[in-house]
Amino acid sequence: MLPARYRMTRSTEFGATVSQGVRAVQPDLVLHALRSSDDAAGDGPRIGLVVSKSVGSAVQRHRVARRLRHAARTMIDELDAKDRVVIRALPSSRHAISARLEQELRTALRRTRPRNGVAR
């Protein structure tokens, strides 16, 4: 389970991360990452999930959300305190196993990181 202090809860945070952040697309998910410039944002990384009705029924959506929260928990140590991450599940994620979701999440996070000090 993802600890409460790392959960993104405000719609303004979601909106800013999705609109201003760097996007990385994977077969089962889309990751938006933004390094916050807000001074009060240093309380730890924030991670938000978007699992829409296109993923499936309520049971399928909750299953996908649980798997993504578990995968996101493993990558908290790799994030900076000012990082904001939104993970959007695609409809194909309902058929993906947890290990695949975690691997795609790590790949997407790696793609959003700046290379040689230059942001993509």
Foldseek 3Di string as FASTA:
>chain_A
DADPVQEDDDVVLVVCQVVVFDWFDDPWKIKGKDQDPDPVQQPFHHEYEAEDCLLDDPVLSVVLVVLLSVLVNVCRVVDGSRMYMYMYTDNVSSVDDSVVSSVRVVVGVVVQDDDPPHGD
